[in-house]
Amino acid sequence: MPGIVLHEPEIPYNTGNIGRTCLNAGASLHLIEPLGFFLDDRSIKRAGLDYWDKLDVTRYMDYAAFLDAHPQSTIWYATTKARRTYADVAYGMDDFILFGKESAGIPEEILKENEARCIRIPMTEEGRSLNLCNSVAIILYELLRQNRFKGLKKTGALHHLSYDL
């Protein structure tokens, strides 16, 4: 199962929306403290709708605690400062993708230690960054695409629609 890691997230709506994306994508959510909100915050539950209680969420006191809990794991670091794009790498189904807080991203010292695993989403020169929810969805679904959407529903069907041709 892929894991989405939020390093010190600040905005409850973003975390709630990301939780909803994780649940629907079959991913776990990992939150590194400090958080900029309380997990019982109405904003999280509103953004995550009725999904939050079904989500696989783990909290860590700090980045070191996260690393200690996953010593052999592959972790990708999403940052606007990376040389490679998110589409330039091969993901495994058990990889983690770490995202920084909304106001500052991933701390520079973490990026320097992990430059080989830093990835970015291409943008225009005028753009600074994308919304965190969008960034998570883009990269998580690339991981899933590369792994042939393992564990997800493979077919869909139109419902409540019928056509006379």
N, C-alpha and C. Protein backbone atom coordinates (compact mmCIF):
# COMPACT_ATOMS: atom_id res chain seq x y z
N MET A 1 0.84 -1.18 0.00
CA MET A 1 0.00 0.00 0.00
C MET A 1 0.89 1.24 0.00
N PRO A 2 0.67 2.15 -0.93
CA PRO A 2 1.45 3.39 -0.92
C PRO A 2 1.10 4.23 0.31
N GLY A 3 2.03 5.09 0.70
CA GLY A 3 1.80 5.96 1.84
C GLY A 3 2.05 7.41 1.47
N ILE A 4 1.13 8.27 1.88
CA ILE A 4 1.30 9.71 1.72
C ILE A 4 1.70 10.26 3.09
N VAL A 5 2.78 11.01 3.10
CA VAL A 5 3.31 11.57 4.34
C VAL A 5 3.21 13.09 4.27
N LEU A 6 2.56 13.67 5.26
CA LEU A 6 2.47 15.13 5.34
C LEU A 6 3.36 15.59 6.49
N HIS A 7 4.39 16.36 6.16
CA HIS A 7 5.32 16.87 7.15
C HIS A 7 4.80 18.20 7.68
N GLU A 8 4.31 18.19 8.90
CA GLU A 8 3.81 19.38 9.59
C GLU A 8 2.73 20.13 8.81
N PRO A 9 1.66 19.43 8.41
CA PRO A 9 0.60 20.12 7.66
C PRO A 9 -0.04 21.21 8.50
N GLU A 10 -0.49 22.27 7.82
CA GLU A 10 -1.02 23.45 8.52
C GLU A 10 -2.51 23.66 8.31
N ILE A 11 -3.07 23.20 7.21
CA ILE A 11 -4.44 23.55 6.84
C ILE A 11 -5.33 22.31 6.94
N PRO A 12 -6.31 22.33 7.84
CA PRO A 12 -7.14 21.14 8.05
C PRO A 12 -7.92 20.72 6.80
N TYR A 13 -8.41 21.67 6.01
CA TYR A 13 -9.15 21.30 4.80
C TYR A 13 -8.26 20.49 3.86
N ASN A 14 -7.01 20.90 3.70
CA ASN A 14 -6.11 20.15 2.83
C ASN A 14 -5.93 18.73 3.35
N THR A 15 -5.67 18.59 4.63
CA THR A 15 -5.45 17.26 5.20
C THR A 15 -6.71 16.40 5.07
N GLY A 16 -7.87 16.98 5.27
CA GLY A 16 -9.12 16.23 5.09
C GLY A 16 -9.30 15.77 3.66
N ASN A 17 -9.05 16.66 2.71
CA ASN A 17 -9.17 16.28 1.29
C ASN A 17 -8.14 15.23 0.91
N ILE A 18 -6.93 15.36 1.42
CA ILE A 18 -5.89 14.38 1.13
C ILE A 18 -6.27 13.04 1.73
N GLY A 19 -6.84 13.05 2.91
CA GLY A 19 -7.32 11.80 3.51
C GLY A 19 -8.35 11.12 2.65
N ARG A 20 -9.25 11.89 2.10
CA ARG A 20 -10.28 11.33 1.21
C ARG A 20 -9.64 10.73 -0.04
N THR A 21 -8.66 11.42 -0.60
CA THR A 21 -7.94 10.90 -1.77
C THR A 21 -7.22 9.61 -1.41
N CYS A 22 -6.55 9.59 -0.26
CA CYS A 22 -5.83 8.38 0.18
C CYS A 22 -6.78 7.19 0.30
N LEU A 23 -7.91 7.39 0.94
CA LEU A 23 -8.85 6.29 1.11
C LEU A 23 -9.30 5.74 -0.24
N ASN A 24 -9.64 6.62 -1.15
CA ASN A 24 -10.13 6.18 -2.46
C ASN A 24 -9.03 5.60 -3.34
N ALA A 25 -7.78 5.93 -3.04
CA ALA A 25 -6.66 5.41 -3.82
C ALA A 25 -6.02 4.19 -3.16
N GLY A 26 -6.52 3.80 -2.01
CA GLY A 26 -5.94 2.65 -1.30
C GLY A 26 -4.60 2.96 -0.68
N ALA A 27 -4.39 4.21 -0.27
CA ALA A 27 -3.13 4.64 0.34
C ALA A 27 -3.33 4.93 1.82
N SER A 28 -2.24 4.83 2.56
CA SER A 28 -2.28 5.21 3.97
C SER A 28 -1.83 6.67 4.09
N LEU A 29 -2.22 7.31 5.19
CA LEU A 29 -1.85 8.70 5.44
C LEU A 29 -1.01 8.76 6.70
N HIS A 30 0.13 9.45 6.62
CA HIS A 30 1.06 9.56 7.73
C HIS A 30 1.27 11.04 8.02
N LEU A 31 1.04 11.44 9.27
CA LEU A 31 1.12 12.84 9.66
C LEU A 31 2.28 13.04 10.63
N ILE A 32 3.20 13.92 10.26
CA ILE A 32 4.34 14.24 11.11
C ILE A 32 4.05 15.55 11.83
N GLU A 33 4.12 15.50 13.14
CA GLU A 33 3.81 16.68 13.97
C GLU A 33 4.98 17.65 13.99
N PRO A 34 4.70 18.92 14.36
CA PRO A 34 3.43 19.42 14.84
C PRO A 34 2.44 19.67 13.71
N LEU A 35 1.17 19.48 14.03
CA LEU A 35 0.09 19.77 13.09
C LEU A 35 -0.42 21.18 13.37
N GLY A 36 -0.91 21.85 12.36
CA GLY A 36 -1.44 23.20 12.52
C GLY A 36 -2.91 23.21 12.91
N PHE A 37 -3.42 22.11 13.42
CA PHE A 37 -4.84 21.96 13.75
C PHE A 37 -4.99 20.74 14.63
N PHE A 38 -6.18 20.53 15.15
CA PHE A 38 -6.50 19.33 15.91
C PHE A 38 -7.15 18.32 14.97
N LEU A 39 -6.84 17.06 15.16
CA LEU A 39 -7.43 16.04 14.28
C LEU A 39 -8.93 15.89 14.48
N ASP A 40 -9.45 16.35 15.59
CA ASP A 40 -10.91 16.30 15.77
C ASP A 40 -11.58 17.56 15.23
N ASP A 41 -10.81 18.39 14.57
CA ASP A 41 -11.31 19.63 13.99
C ASP A 41 -12.44 19.34 12.99
N ARG A 42 -13.49 20.14 13.07
CA ARG A 42 -14.62 19.99 12.14
C ARG A 42 -14.18 20.12 10.69
N SER A 43 -13.18 20.98 10.45
CA SER A 43 -12.72 21.22 9.09
C SER A 43 -12.18 19.95 8.44
N ILE A 44 -11.47 19.15 9.21
CA ILE A 44 -10.93 17.88 8.66
C ILE A 44 -12.09 16.97 8.30
N LYS A 45 -13.01 16.83 9.21
CA LYS A 45 -14.11 15.91 8.96
C LYS A 45 -15.00 16.42 7.83
N ARG A 46 -15.18 17.72 7.72
CA ARG A 46 -15.99 18.26 6.64
C ARG A 46 -15.33 17.99 5.30
N ALA A 47 -14.03 18.24 5.20
CA ALA A 47 -13.31 18.02 3.94
C ALA A 47 -13.21 16.54 3.61
N GLY A 48 -13.04 15.70 4.62
CA GLY A 48 -12.93 14.27 4.41
C GLY A 48 -14.27 13.56 4.38
N LEU A 49 -15.33 14.33 4.58
CA LEU A 49 -16.69 13.82 4.64
C LEU A 49 -16.77 12.65 5.61
N ASP A 50 -17.41 11.59 5.23
CA ASP A 50 -17.59 10.47 6.15
C ASP A 50 -16.48 9.43 5.99
N TYR A 51 -15.39 9.81 5.35
CA TYR A 51 -14.30 8.88 5.09
C TYR A 51 -13.31 8.79 6.24
N TRP A 52 -13.18 9.81 7.06
CA TRP A 52 -12.06 9.91 7.99
C TRP A 52 -11.93 8.70 8.90
N ASP A 53 -13.04 8.17 9.39
CA ASP A 53 -12.96 7.02 10.31
C ASP A 53 -12.55 5.72 9.61
N LYS A 54 -12.61 5.68 8.29
CA LYS A 54 -12.22 4.49 7.52
C LYS A 54 -10.77 4.56 7.04
N LEU A 55 -10.14 5.72 7.22
CA LEU A 55 -8.80 5.98 6.70
C LEU A 55 -7.73 5.39 7.61
N ASP A 56 -6.67 4.84 7.01
CA ASP A 56 -5.50 4.35 7.73
C ASP A 56 -4.57 5.54 7.99
N VAL A 57 -4.63 6.11 9.20
CA VAL A 57 -3.86 7.30 9.56
C VAL A 57 -2.89 6.95 10.69
N THR A 58 -1.64 7.38 10.55
CA THR A 58 -0.65 7.21 11.61
C THR A 58 0.00 8.56 11.87
N ARG A 59 0.19 8.87 13.15
CA ARG A 59 0.84 10.12 13.55
C ARG A 59 2.22 9.82 14.11
N TYR A 60 3.14 10.76 13.89
CA TYR A 60 4.51 10.65 14.38
C TYR A 60 4.88 11.95 15.07
N MET A 61 5.63 11.85 16.14
CA MET A 61 6.02 13.04 16.90
C MET A 61 6.95 13.95 16.09
N ASP A 62 7.76 13.35 15.20
CA ASP A 62 8.66 14.14 14.37
C ASP A 62 9.14 13.28 13.19
N TYR A 63 9.93 13.89 12.33
CA TYR A 63 10.44 13.22 11.14
C TYR A 63 11.30 12.01 11.51
N ALA A 64 12.12 12.13 12.54
CA ALA A 64 12.97 11.02 12.98
C ALA A 64 12.12 9.82 13.39
N ALA A 65 11.01 10.06 14.05
CA ALA A 65 10.13 8.95 14.47
C ALA A 65 9.53 8.26 13.24
N PHE A 66 9.20 9.03 12.22
CA PHE A 66 8.70 8.43 10.98
C PHE A 66 9.77 7.54 10.36
N LEU A 67 11.00 8.06 10.26
CA LEU A 67 12.10 7.27 9.68
C LEU A 67 12.36 6.01 10.50
N ASP A 68 12.33 6.12 11.81
CA ASP A 68 12.54 4.95 12.68
C ASP A 68 11.48 3.88 12.45
N ALA A 69 10.26 4.30 12.18
CA ALA A 69 9.16 3.35 11.96
C ALA A 69 9.22 2.69 10.59
N HIS A 70 9.96 3.27 9.65
CA HIS A 70 10.02 2.75 8.27
C HIS A 70 11.46 2.74 7.76
N PRO A 71 12.35 2.01 8.43
CA PRO A 71 13.78 2.09 8.12
C PRO A 71 14.19 1.59 6.73
N GLN A 72 13.49 0.66 6.16
CA GLN A 72 13.87 0.09 4.86
C GLN A 72 13.00 0.60 3.71
N SER A 73 12.16 1.57 3.98
CA SER A 73 11.20 2.03 2.97
C SER A 73 11.81 3.01 1.98
N THR A 74 11.24 3.04 0.78
CA THR A 74 11.61 4.04 -0.21
C THR A 74 10.71 5.25 0.00
N ILE A 75 11.32 6.40 0.16
CA ILE A 75 10.58 7.64 0.39
C ILE A 75 10.95 8.62 -0.71
N TRP A 76 9.93 9.17 -1.36
CA TRP A 76 10.11 10.20 -2.38
C TRP A 76 9.73 11.53 -1.75
N TYR A 77 10.47 12.59 -2.07
CA TYR A 77 10.29 13.90 -1.46
C TYR A 77 9.78 14.87 -2.52
N ALA A 78 8.53 15.28 -2.41
CA ALA A 78 7.92 16.18 -3.39
C ALA A 78 8.28 17.63 -3.05
N THR A 79 8.96 18.29 -3.97
CA THR A 79 9.42 19.65 -3.76
C THR A 79 9.52 20.38 -5.09
N THR A 80 9.34 21.66 -5.06
CA THR A 80 9.51 22.46 -6.28
C THR A 80 10.99 22.61 -6.64
N LYS A 81 11.89 22.18 -5.75
CA LYS A 81 13.33 22.38 -5.94
C LYS A 81 14.04 21.18 -6.59
N ALA A 82 13.32 20.14 -6.94
CA ALA A 82 13.94 18.92 -7.46
C ALA A 82 14.37 19.07 -8.92
N ARG A 83 15.36 18.28 -9.30
CA ARG A 83 15.81 18.24 -10.70
C ARG A 83 14.92 17.34 -11.54
N ARG A 84 14.47 16.23 -10.96
CA ARG A 84 13.65 15.27 -11.70
C ARG A 84 12.17 15.52 -11.46
N THR A 85 11.37 15.16 -12.46
CA THR A 85 9.92 15.26 -12.27
C THR A 85 9.39 13.97 -11.67
N TYR A 86 8.16 14.03 -11.20
CA TYR A 86 7.51 12.86 -10.61
C TYR A 86 7.33 11.74 -11.63
N ALA A 87 7.34 12.05 -12.91
CA ALA A 87 7.16 11.05 -13.96
C ALA A 87 8.48 10.42 -14.40
N ASP A 88 9.60 10.92 -13.88
CA ASP A 88 10.92 10.41 -14.26
C ASP A 88 11.38 9.22 -13.42
N VAL A 89 10.61 8.84 -12.43
CA VAL A 89 11.05 7.79 -11.50
C VAL A 89 10.10 6.60 -11.54
N ALA A 90 10.58 5.46 -11.08
CA ALA A 90 9.76 4.25 -10.99
C ALA A 90 9.36 4.03 -9.53
N TYR A 91 8.07 3.93 -9.29
CA TYR A 91 7.53 3.77 -7.95
C TYR A 91 7.17 2.32 -7.67
N GLY A 92 7.35 1.93 -6.43
CA GLY A 92 6.85 0.64 -5.96
C GLY A 92 5.54 0.84 -5.22
N MET A 93 4.77 -0.21 -5.10
CA MET A 93 3.46 -0.11 -4.44
C MET A 93 3.56 0.21 -2.95
N ASP A 94 4.72 0.01 -2.34
CA ASP A 94 4.87 0.28 -0.91
C ASP A 94 5.69 1.54 -0.63
N ASP A 95 5.91 2.34 -1.67
CA ASP A 95 6.69 3.56 -1.49
C ASP A 95 5.88 4.62 -0.74
N PHE A 96 6.62 5.52 -0.11
CA PHE A 96 6.04 6.69 0.54
C PHE A 96 6.36 7.92 -0.29
N ILE A 97 5.44 8.88 -0.28
CA ILE A 97 5.68 10.18 -0.91
C ILE A 97 5.49 11.23 0.18
N LEU A 98 6.52 11.98 0.46
CA LEU A 98 6.49 12.97 1.54
C LEU A 98 6.30 14.36 0.96
N PHE A 99 5.38 15.10 1.56
CA PHE A 99 5.05 16.47 1.16
C PHE A 99 5.27 17.38 2.36
N GLY A 100 5.74 18.60 2.11
CA GLY A 100 5.99 19.55 3.18
C GLY A 100 4.76 20.38 3.52
N LYS A 101 4.91 21.20 4.54
CA LYS A 101 3.80 22.05 4.96
C LYS A 101 3.51 23.11 3.90
N GLU A 102 2.30 23.57 3.92
CA GLU A 102 1.80 24.47 2.88
C GLU A 102 2.62 25.76 2.76
N SER A 103 3.07 26.32 3.87
CA SER A 103 3.74 27.62 3.82
C SER A 103 5.23 27.56 3.49
N ALA A 104 5.86 26.38 3.65
CA ALA A 104 7.32 26.35 3.49
C ALA A 104 7.85 25.10 2.81
N GLY A 105 7.04 24.11 2.57
CA GLY A 105 7.52 22.88 1.96
C GLY A 105 8.31 22.02 2.93
N ILE A 106 9.11 21.13 2.38
CA ILE A 106 9.95 20.24 3.18
C ILE A 106 11.20 21.02 3.61
N PRO A 107 11.62 20.88 4.87
CA PRO A 107 12.83 21.60 5.30
C PRO A 107 14.04 21.29 4.43
N GLU A 108 14.83 22.32 4.18
CA GLU A 108 15.99 22.23 3.29
C GLU A 108 16.96 21.12 3.69
N GLU A 109 17.19 20.94 5.00
CA GLU A 109 18.14 19.92 5.43
C GLU A 109 17.66 18.51 5.06
N ILE A 110 16.37 18.28 5.09
CA ILE A 110 15.82 16.97 4.67
C ILE A 110 16.02 16.79 3.17
N LEU A 111 15.77 17.84 2.40
CA LEU A 111 15.94 17.75 0.95
C LEU A 111 17.40 17.49 0.59
N LYS A 112 18.33 18.16 1.25
CA LYS A 112 19.76 17.96 0.97
C LYS A 112 20.19 16.53 1.24
N GLU A 113 19.68 15.94 2.31
CA GLU A 113 20.02 14.56 2.67
C GLU A 113 19.44 13.55 1.71
N ASN A 114 18.42 13.94 0.94
CA ASN A 114 17.68 12.99 0.10
C ASN A 114 17.53 13.48 -1.33
N GLU A 115 18.50 14.21 -1.83
CA GLU A 115 18.41 14.82 -3.16
C GLU A 115 18.09 13.80 -4.25
N ALA A 116 18.61 12.61 -4.16
CA ALA A 116 18.38 11.59 -5.19
C ALA A 116 16.93 11.14 -5.25
N ARG A 117 16.17 11.39 -4.21
CA ARG A 117 14.76 10.97 -4.18
C ARG A 117 13.80 12.17 -4.20
N CYS A 118 14.31 13.33 -4.57
CA CYS A 118 13.46 14.52 -4.68
C CYS A 118 12.81 14.56 -6.06
N ILE A 119 11.54 14.86 -6.09
CA ILE A 119 10.77 14.93 -7.34
C ILE A 119 9.92 16.19 -7.34
N ARG A 120 9.58 16.65 -8.53
CA ARG A 120 8.76 17.86 -8.66
C ARG A 120 7.69 17.68 -9.73
N ILE A 121 6.71 18.54 -9.66
CA ILE A 121 5.67 18.61 -10.69
C ILE A 121 6.02 19.81 -11.57
N PRO A 122 6.17 19.61 -12.89
CA PRO A 122 6.52 20.74 -13.76
C PRO A 122 5.44 21.83 -13.73
N MET A 123 5.90 23.07 -13.74
CA MET A 123 5.00 24.23 -13.73
C MET A 123 5.62 25.34 -14.58
N THR A 124 4.84 26.35 -14.84
CA THR A 124 5.36 27.51 -15.55
C THR A 124 6.31 28.29 -14.65
N GLU A 125 7.08 29.18 -15.24
CA GLU A 125 8.00 30.03 -14.48
C GLU A 125 7.25 30.94 -13.50
N GLU A 126 6.02 31.32 -13.85
CA GLU A 126 5.25 32.24 -13.01
C GLU A 126 4.70 31.57 -11.75
N GLY A 127 4.56 30.25 -11.79
CA GLY A 127 3.96 29.55 -10.65
C GLY A 127 4.97 29.21 -9.58
N ARG A 128 4.56 29.36 -8.33
CA ARG A 128 5.43 28.98 -7.20
C ARG A 128 5.18 27.54 -6.78
N SER A 129 3.89 27.19 -6.70
CA SER A 129 3.54 25.83 -6.26
C SER A 129 2.07 25.58 -6.55
N LEU A 130 1.71 24.30 -6.50
CA LEU A 130 0.31 23.91 -6.62
C LEU A 130 -0.27 23.72 -5.23
N ASN A 131 -1.59 23.66 -5.15
CA ASN A 131 -2.23 23.34 -3.88
C ASN A 131 -1.78 21.95 -3.45
N LEU A 132 -1.58 21.75 -2.17
CA LEU A 132 -1.08 20.49 -1.64
C LEU A 132 -1.97 19.32 -2.02
N CYS A 133 -3.28 19.49 -1.96
CA CYS A 133 -4.20 18.41 -2.34
C CYS A 133 -3.98 17.97 -3.78
N ASN A 134 -3.84 18.94 -4.67
CA ASN A 134 -3.63 18.62 -6.08
C ASN A 134 -2.30 17.91 -6.28
N SER A 135 -1.27 18.37 -5.61
CA SER A 135 0.05 17.75 -5.74
C SER A 135 0.02 16.29 -5.29
N VAL A 136 -0.63 16.03 -4.17
CA VAL A 136 -0.74 14.65 -3.68
C VAL A 136 -1.46 13.79 -4.71
N ALA A 137 -2.58 14.27 -5.24
CA ALA A 137 -3.35 13.48 -6.19
C ALA A 137 -2.55 13.18 -7.46
N ILE A 138 -1.85 14.17 -7.97
CA ILE A 138 -1.07 13.99 -9.20
C ILE A 138 -0.03 12.90 -9.02
N ILE A 139 0.76 13.00 -7.97
CA ILE A 139 1.88 12.06 -7.79
C ILE A 139 1.38 10.69 -7.34
N LEU A 140 0.40 10.66 -6.44
CA LEU A 140 -0.13 9.37 -5.98
C LEU A 140 -0.72 8.58 -7.15
N TYR A 141 -1.46 9.23 -8.02
CA TYR A 141 -2.05 8.49 -9.13
C TYR A 141 -1.03 8.10 -10.20
N GLU A 142 0.09 8.80 -10.27
CA GLU A 142 1.18 8.33 -11.13
C GLU A 142 1.78 7.05 -10.55
N LEU A 143 1.97 7.01 -9.25
CA LEU A 143 2.45 5.78 -8.60
C LEU A 143 1.49 4.63 -8.89
N LEU A 144 0.20 4.88 -8.75
CA LEU A 144 -0.80 3.84 -9.00
C LEU A 144 -0.83 3.43 -10.47
N ARG A 145 -0.72 4.40 -11.37
CA ARG A 145 -0.71 4.09 -12.81
C ARG A 145 0.46 3.18 -13.14
N GLN A 146 1.64 3.52 -12.62
CA GLN A 146 2.82 2.70 -12.90
C GLN A 146 2.66 1.28 -12.39
N ASN A 147 1.86 1.11 -11.36
CA ASN A 147 1.64 -0.21 -10.77
C ASN A 147 0.30 -0.81 -11.21
N ARG A 148 -0.19 -0.32 -12.35
CA ARG A 148 -1.40 -0.84 -13.00
C ARG A 148 -2.62 -0.79 -12.08
N PHE A 149 -2.67 0.24 -11.24
CA PHE A 149 -3.80 0.49 -10.34
C PHE A 149 -4.11 -0.72 -9.46
N LYS A 150 -3.05 -1.40 -9.03
CA LYS A 150 -3.18 -2.59 -8.20
C LYS A 150 -4.06 -2.31 -6.98
N GLY A 151 -5.03 -3.18 -6.76
CA GLY A 151 -5.91 -3.06 -5.61
C GLY A 151 -7.10 -2.15 -5.81
N LEU A 152 -7.19 -1.48 -6.95
CA LEU A 152 -8.31 -0.58 -7.19
C LEU A 152 -9.29 -1.21 -8.17
N LYS A 153 -10.51 -0.74 -8.11
CA LYS A 153 -11.55 -1.23 -9.01
C LYS A 153 -11.13 -0.96 -10.45
N LYS A 154 -11.18 -1.99 -11.28
CA LYS A 154 -10.67 -1.89 -12.65
C LYS A 154 -11.72 -1.42 -13.67
N THR A 155 -12.97 -1.60 -13.37
CA THR A 155 -14.00 -1.21 -14.33
C THR A 155 -15.00 -0.28 -13.68
N GLY A 156 -15.66 0.46 -14.50
CA GLY A 156 -16.72 1.35 -14.03
C GLY A 156 -17.92 1.17 -14.92
N ALA A 157 -19.01 1.71 -14.49
CA ALA A 157 -20.24 1.62 -15.28
C ALA A 157 -21.04 2.90 -15.07
N LEU A 158 -21.65 3.37 -16.11
CA LEU A 158 -22.54 4.51 -15.97
C LEU A 158 -23.75 4.08 -15.14
N HIS A 159 -24.17 4.94 -14.31
CA HIS A 159 -25.34 4.64 -13.50
C HIS A 159 -26.32 5.80 -13.60
N HIS A 160 -27.54 5.50 -13.46
CA HIS A 160 -28.62 6.50 -13.55
C HIS A 160 -28.67 7.19 -14.91
N LEU A 161 -28.03 6.60 -15.89
CA LEU A 161 -28.05 7.16 -17.23
C LEU A 161 -28.46 6.08 -18.22
N SER A 162 -29.26 6.44 -19.17
CA SER A 162 -29.56 5.50 -20.25
C SER A 162 -29.74 6.32 -21.53
N TYR A 163 -29.36 5.72 -22.62
CA TYR A 163 -29.42 6.39 -23.89
C TYR A 163 -30.17 5.53 -24.90
N ASP A 164 -31.01 6.15 -25.67
CA ASP A 164 -31.62 5.48 -26.81
C ASP A 164 -30.87 5.93 -28.03
N LEU A 165 -30.18 5.00 -28.66
CA LEU A 165 -29.42 5.36 -29.87
C LEU A 165 -30.12 4.88 -31.11
